[in-house]
Amino acid sequence: MNMDDMEKLRLAPPEAPQGDIALELCTLSKVYRLKRGMFREPGEIRAVNDVSLRLYRGETLGLVGESGCGKSTLAKMLLGLLEPSSGNVLFNGREVDPGQRKEHARHIQPIFQDPYSSLNPRKTVAEIVGLPLQIHRIGNAAERDRMVRQILDLVGMPERTYGQYPNQLSGGQRQRVAIARALILRPDVLICDEPTSALDVSVQAQILNLLLDLKAEFGLTYLFISHDLGVVEHLVDRVAVMNKGSIVELQSREKIFSDPQHPYTRMLLASALTPEPGRGLPELAAA
C-alpha cells in the first residue's frame, strides 16, 4: 500500500482497554506427524508450539510473521477447522468443544485471504450471505431475506448485485460479500486472515475502513493476520509477533514499532519495504 492510500486509511483508535477476555489460547500446539519409510523413525513438524494468547473484547490484535510461521494454522484451530494436538481454546471463559463447531461458528467467524476461492461460484450473492441463516435455522424465508438485504446494504453492496454470481463481481465486491456472510450471524469475534492481500491496492483502504466502521457498529473483536506491517501499524491495538510456531513478542502497537525488543521483531521491521522515495532497499538487522 502506497503513501496516498495510507492517507486514505483512517487510523484505529488508541489502544483498547484490557477488560473482558473474549478469546484465550492456553498452550495451544499443533504437531504434524511425518512418515519416513519402513526403517526410519517417524518425524514431526510443530506448526504451532505452546501458544498462549489473550484477545480482549473490543480490541484488534495483529498477528504478524513470515510465511510458514504458523499464523494460518493457528487461525484454523481457533475456527474449529483443525483440532489442536494439545492445549485448548476458551471463549468467554468456557472451553471450546471441538464437537460443537456449529455453535462455535455463531460466535467466531472468518474472513479469508482470497474472496474468490472462499465463495461458492454456483450461488448468488444473496444465497451465499443467507446460507448461514438457513444452516442455523434463523427466521423464516421473509425474515432471512430482510436480514440479508440489511447486511449487504451495510457493507456497501448495491441492490443490483444481490442476484449476481461471484465471477460477476470485482475483487473488492467479493470481499464485501465475504464480510457480509461473516457478519450475518452477528458473531463476537472475526478472524481476519490476510483479508486485503489479494485485492488491488486501490481498494485495500476501502475494505480496511469498512472493517473499522463495522467494528464500531457491532462492537466486534478482531484477530487480524497480515504480512503488511504498514496496515498493521494503522489498524491494530496490540501486535503479536510469531516465529517458527511460537509467539516471540507481544506489545502495544506503539511499543512494537517504536521499540521492538526481540531480535526477530527488529529483523522483521527492518526487512519491510518503505513507501518513502529515495530510501532504497532495507538493510536487514542482525538476529
Protein backbone atom coordinates (compact mmCIF):
# COMPACT_ATOMS: atom_id res chain seq x y z
CA MET A 1 0.00 0.00 0.00
CA ASN A 2 1.50 3.34 -1.05
CA MET A 3 1.53 6.61 0.85
CA ASP A 4 -1.54 8.04 -0.89
CA ASP A 5 -3.62 5.01 0.04
CA MET A 6 -2.30 5.07 3.60
CA GLU A 7 -3.51 8.62 3.94
CA LYS A 8 -7.00 7.44 2.97
CA LEU A 9 -6.91 4.77 5.69
CA ARG A 10 -8.34 6.08 8.91
CA LEU A 11 -6.27 5.37 12.00
CA ALA A 12 -7.57 2.88 14.53
CA PRO A 13 -8.48 4.40 17.91
CA PRO A 14 -5.96 4.34 20.78
CA GLU A 15 -5.13 1.02 22.38
CA ALA A 16 -8.24 -0.77 23.62
CA PRO A 17 -8.59 -1.16 27.39
CA GLN A 18 -7.81 -4.64 28.61
CA GLY A 19 -11.12 -5.66 30.15
CA ASP A 20 -13.10 -8.83 29.50
CA ILE A 21 -11.31 -11.65 27.71
CA ALA A 22 -13.19 -12.68 24.57
CA LEU A 23 -10.85 -15.44 23.42
CA GLU A 24 -8.00 -17.17 25.21
CA LEU A 25 -5.46 -19.64 23.91
CA CYS A 26 -3.88 -21.88 26.52
CA THR A 27 -0.59 -23.59 25.50
CA LEU A 28 -2.05 -24.39 22.09
CA SER A 29 0.02 -26.68 19.86
CA LYS A 30 -0.35 -28.38 16.50
CA VAL A 31 2.05 -31.16 15.56
CA TYR A 32 2.06 -32.95 12.21
CA ARG A 33 3.49 -36.48 12.15
CA LEU A 34 5.74 -37.44 9.24
CA LYS A 35 6.30 -40.96 7.96
CA ARG A 36 9.89 -41.56 6.84
CA GLY A 37 9.76 -45.09 5.48
CA MET A 38 9.79 -48.56 6.95
CA PHE A 39 13.20 -48.42 8.64
CA ARG A 40 13.25 -44.82 9.89
CA GLU A 41 11.70 -43.28 12.95
CA PRO A 42 8.68 -41.03 12.21
CA GLY A 43 9.37 -37.33 12.48
CA GLU A 44 7.22 -34.36 13.34
CA ILE A 45 6.66 -30.73 12.41
CA ARG A 46 5.49 -28.38 15.15
CA ALA A 47 3.41 -25.85 13.20
CA VAL A 48 2.21 -24.16 16.41
CA ASN A 49 4.20 -24.54 19.61
CA ASP A 50 2.62 -23.90 23.05
CA VAL A 51 0.98 -20.58 22.14
CA SER A 52 -0.78 -18.75 24.97
CA LEU A 53 -2.60 -15.57 23.99
CA ARG A 54 -5.50 -13.42 25.16
CA LEU A 55 -7.79 -11.47 22.87
CA TYR A 56 -9.67 -8.78 24.80
CA ARG A 57 -13.22 -7.81 23.95
CA GLY A 58 -13.39 -4.85 21.58
CA GLU A 59 -9.72 -4.85 20.56
CA THR A 60 -7.93 -5.60 17.33
CA LEU A 61 -4.95 -7.87 17.87
CA GLY A 62 -2.49 -8.09 14.99
CA LEU A 63 -0.67 -11.36 14.33
CA VAL A 64 2.42 -10.95 12.14
CA GLY A 65 5.27 -13.14 10.95
CA GLU A 66 6.80 -14.51 7.78
CA SER A 67 5.11 -17.14 5.61
CA GLY A 68 5.11 -20.60 7.17
CA CYS A 69 5.44 -19.41 10.77
CA GLY A 70 2.09 -20.93 11.81
CA LYS A 71 -0.32 -17.96 11.64
CA SER A 72 -2.92 -19.61 9.41
CA THR A 73 -2.68 -22.92 11.29
CA LEU A 74 -3.41 -21.03 14.49
CA ALA A 75 -6.40 -19.32 12.85
CA LYS A 76 -7.81 -22.65 11.66
CA MET A 77 -7.64 -24.07 15.18
CA LEU A 78 -9.48 -21.03 16.54
CA LEU A 79 -12.19 -21.56 13.92
CA GLY A 80 -12.52 -25.25 14.71
CA LEU A 81 -11.24 -26.29 11.28
CA LEU A 82 -8.21 -28.02 12.83
CA GLU A 83 -8.08 -29.91 16.10
CA PRO A 84 -5.16 -28.93 18.37
CA SER A 85 -2.59 -31.57 19.28
CA SER A 86 -2.58 -30.14 22.81
CA GLY A 87 -3.84 -27.15 24.73
CA ASN A 88 -7.28 -25.60 24.50
CA VAL A 89 -9.24 -22.54 23.43
CA LEU A 90 -11.52 -20.64 25.81
CA PHE A 91 -14.35 -18.44 24.56
CA ASN A 92 -15.94 -16.16 27.17
CA GLY A 93 -14.16 -18.20 29.82
CA ARG A 94 -15.55 -21.56 28.66
CA GLU A 95 -13.54 -24.23 26.88
CA VAL A 96 -14.48 -24.67 23.24
CA ASP A 97 -15.76 -28.17 22.49
CA PRO A 98 -14.38 -29.37 19.10
CA GLY A 99 -17.59 -31.32 18.62
CA GLN A 100 -19.72 -28.16 18.79
CA ARG A 101 -18.47 -26.48 15.60
CA LYS A 102 -21.93 -25.26 14.63
CA GLU A 103 -22.45 -23.42 17.91
CA HIS A 104 -18.85 -22.18 17.85
CA ALA A 105 -19.45 -20.68 14.39
CA ARG A 106 -22.18 -18.42 15.74
CA HIS A 107 -19.60 -16.59 17.84
CA ILE A 108 -16.39 -16.74 15.77
CA GLN A 109 -16.34 -16.20 12.00
CA PRO A 110 -13.55 -15.97 9.40
CA ILE A 111 -12.71 -13.58 6.61
CA PHE A 112 -10.27 -15.39 4.34
CA GLN A 113 -7.48 -14.12 2.12
CA ASP A 114 -8.93 -14.90 -1.31
CA PRO A 115 -12.61 -13.91 -1.59
CA TYR A 116 -12.98 -15.66 -4.94
CA SER A 117 -12.00 -19.13 -3.71
CA SER A 118 -13.98 -18.77 -0.46
CA LEU A 119 -17.31 -18.03 -2.20
CA ASN A 120 -19.43 -20.70 -3.89
CA PRO A 121 -19.38 -19.83 -7.62
CA ARG A 122 -22.74 -21.54 -8.19
CA LYS A 123 -24.69 -19.42 -5.71
CA THR A 124 -25.80 -15.82 -5.98
CA VAL A 125 -24.65 -13.10 -3.58
CA ALA A 126 -27.93 -13.25 -1.63
CA GLU A 127 -27.78 -17.06 -1.40
CA ILE A 128 -24.15 -17.00 -0.17
CA VAL A 129 -24.86 -14.46 2.55
CA GLY A 130 -28.12 -16.10 3.61
CA LEU A 131 -26.78 -19.67 3.83
CA PRO A 132 -25.57 -19.39 7.47
CA LEU A 133 -29.09 -18.31 8.48
CA GLN A 134 -30.52 -21.43 6.83
CA ILE A 135 -27.96 -23.73 8.44
CA HIS A 136 -28.68 -22.29 11.89
CA ARG A 137 -32.44 -22.17 11.20
CA ILE A 138 -32.76 -18.49 11.97
CA GLY A 139 -36.04 -16.86 10.88
CA ASN A 140 -38.38 -17.72 8.04
CA ALA A 141 -37.74 -17.01 4.36
CA ALA A 142 -39.03 -13.43 4.50
CA GLU A 143 -37.04 -12.63 7.67
CA ARG A 144 -33.87 -14.12 6.22
CA ASP A 145 -34.31 -12.09 3.03
CA ARG A 146 -34.70 -8.91 5.08
CA MET A 147 -31.59 -9.68 7.16
CA VAL A 148 -29.53 -10.43 4.03
CA ARG A 149 -30.57 -7.17 2.40
CA GLN A 150 -29.74 -5.20 5.54
CA ILE A 151 -26.26 -6.63 5.93
CA LEU A 152 -25.43 -6.30 2.22
CA ASP A 153 -26.51 -2.67 2.31
CA LEU A 154 -24.38 -2.15 5.42
CA VAL A 155 -21.21 -3.41 3.70
CA GLY A 156 -21.86 -1.20 0.66
CA MET A 157 -23.17 -3.71 -1.89
CA PRO A 158 -25.68 -2.18 -4.37
CA GLU A 159 -29.03 -3.95 -4.69
CA ARG A 160 -28.39 -4.83 -8.35
CA THR A 161 -25.62 -7.22 -7.24
CA TYR A 162 -27.80 -9.38 -4.97
CA GLY A 163 -28.70 -11.77 -7.78
CA GLN A 164 -25.24 -11.85 -9.33
CA TYR A 165 -22.60 -14.58 -9.03
CA PRO A 166 -19.06 -14.14 -7.61
CA ASN A 167 -17.45 -14.16 -11.07
CA GLN A 168 -19.54 -11.12 -11.99
CA LEU A 169 -18.12 -9.05 -9.12
CA SER A 170 -14.88 -7.14 -8.63
CA GLY A 171 -12.35 -8.32 -6.04
CA GLY A 172 -13.42 -5.63 -3.59
CA GLN A 173 -17.10 -6.53 -4.02
CA ARG A 174 -16.36 -10.21 -3.43
CA GLN A 175 -14.57 -9.37 -0.19
CA ARG A 176 -17.57 -7.24 0.88
CA VAL A 177 -19.78 -10.28 0.28
CA ALA A 178 -17.42 -12.42 2.39
CA ILE A 179 -17.58 -9.82 5.17
CA ALA A 180 -21.39 -9.74 4.98
CA ARG A 181 -21.52 -13.54 5.20
CA ALA A 182 -19.24 -13.47 8.26
CA LEU A 183 -21.43 -10.84 9.97
CA ILE A 184 -24.88 -12.26 9.19
CA LEU A 185 -24.87 -14.36 12.41
CA ARG A 186 -23.76 -11.35 14.49
CA PRO A 187 -20.56 -13.02 15.80
CA ASP A 188 -18.43 -11.64 18.62
CA VAL A 189 -15.02 -12.32 17.06
CA LEU A 190 -13.77 -12.11 13.47
CA ILE A 191 -10.61 -13.94 12.40
CA CYS A 192 -9.26 -11.85 9.50
CA ASP A 193 -6.62 -13.91 7.68
CA GLU A 194 -4.87 -11.54 5.24
CA PRO A 195 -8.24 -10.03 4.20
CA THR A 196 -6.79 -7.46 1.78
CA SER A 197 -3.66 -9.10 0.37
CA ALA A 198 -5.49 -10.47 -2.70
CA LEU A 199 -7.04 -7.08 -3.52
CA ASP A 200 -5.86 -4.24 -5.71
CA VAL A 201 -4.04 -1.53 -3.80
CA SER A 202 -6.74 0.96 -4.77
CA VAL A 203 -9.45 -0.90 -2.81
CA GLN A 204 -7.46 -2.11 0.19
CA ALA A 205 -8.03 1.09 2.17
CA GLN A 206 -11.77 0.93 1.43
CA ILE A 207 -12.06 -2.57 2.87
CA LEU A 208 -9.93 -1.72 5.91
CA ASN A 209 -12.03 1.36 6.63
CA LEU A 210 -15.16 -0.78 6.29
CA LEU A 211 -13.76 -3.20 8.89
CA LEU A 212 -13.12 -0.28 11.26
CA ASP A 213 -16.67 1.02 10.76
CA LEU A 214 -18.18 -2.43 11.35
CA LYS A 215 -16.12 -2.90 14.48
CA ALA A 216 -17.57 0.32 15.92
CA GLU A 217 -21.09 -0.54 14.72
CA PHE A 218 -21.24 -4.05 16.20
CA GLY A 219 -18.63 -3.91 18.97
CA LEU A 220 -16.56 -6.57 17.25
CA THR A 221 -13.26 -8.10 18.32
CA TYR A 222 -10.68 -8.81 15.59
CA LEU A 223 -7.70 -11.10 15.26
CA PHE A 224 -6.02 -9.52 12.24
CA ILE A 225 -3.41 -11.67 10.47
CA SER A 226 -1.28 -9.83 7.94
CA HIS A 227 2.10 -9.60 6.23
CA ASP A 228 1.59 -5.88 5.58
CA LEU A 229 3.23 -4.14 8.52
CA GLY A 230 2.01 -0.76 7.27
CA VAL A 231 -1.59 -1.92 7.56
CA VAL A 232 -0.96 -3.48 10.96
CA GLU A 233 0.58 -0.26 12.26
CA HIS A 234 -2.54 1.71 11.33
CA LEU A 235 -5.23 -0.82 12.25
CA VAL A 236 -4.45 -2.78 15.41
CA ASP A 237 -4.24 -2.10 19.15
CA ARG A 238 -1.64 -4.75 20.03
CA VAL A 239 0.76 -6.85 17.97
CA ALA A 240 1.79 -10.48 18.48
CA VAL A 241 4.91 -11.49 16.54
CA MET A 242 5.10 -15.16 15.55
CA ASN A 243 8.23 -17.08 14.54
CA LYS A 244 8.57 -20.83 13.97
CA GLY A 245 5.24 -21.58 15.64
CA SER A 246 5.81 -19.51 18.79
CA ILE A 247 4.87 -16.01 19.91
CA VAL A 248 8.20 -14.26 20.43
CA GLU A 249 6.90 -10.79 21.32
CA LEU A 250 3.58 -9.25 22.33
CA GLN A 251 3.36 -5.49 22.81
CA SER A 252 1.16 -2.50 22.11
CA ARG A 253 1.19 -1.17 18.56
CA GLU A 254 3.23 1.87 19.60
CA LYS A 255 5.79 -0.21 21.51
CA ILE A 256 6.33 -2.74 18.73
CA PHE A 257 7.01 -0.14 16.06
CA SER A 258 9.00 2.30 18.19
CA ASP A 259 11.00 -0.02 20.46
CA PRO A 260 10.88 -3.71 19.42
CA GLN A 261 12.54 -5.99 21.97
CA HIS A 262 13.05 -9.32 20.22
CA PRO A 263 15.76 -9.70 17.52
CA TYR A 264 13.27 -11.37 15.17
CA THR A 265 10.84 -8.45 15.51
CA ARG A 266 13.63 -5.99 14.71
CA MET A 267 14.63 -8.03 11.67
CA LEU A 268 11.01 -8.24 10.50
CA LEU A 269 10.54 -4.48 10.75
CA ALA A 270 13.90 -3.77 9.11
CA SER A 271 13.08 -6.03 6.16
CA ALA A 272 9.84 -4.22 5.30
CA LEU A 273 9.97 -2.09 2.16
CA THR A 274 9.34 1.58 2.84
CA PRO A 275 7.00 3.61 0.59
CA GLU A 276 9.18 6.69 1.01
CA PRO A 277 11.06 7.59 -2.21
CA GLY A 278 14.83 7.64 -2.10
CA ARG A 279 15.13 5.27 0.86
CA GLY A 280 16.24 2.33 -1.29
CA LEU A 281 16.18 -1.31 -0.17
CA PRO A 282 16.16 -2.11 3.56
CA GLU A 283 19.17 -3.44 5.41
CA LEU A 284 18.41 -6.49 7.50
CA ALA A 285 19.12 -6.18 11.18
CA ALA A 286 21.35 -8.80 12.68
CA ALA A 287 19.41 -11.51 14.51
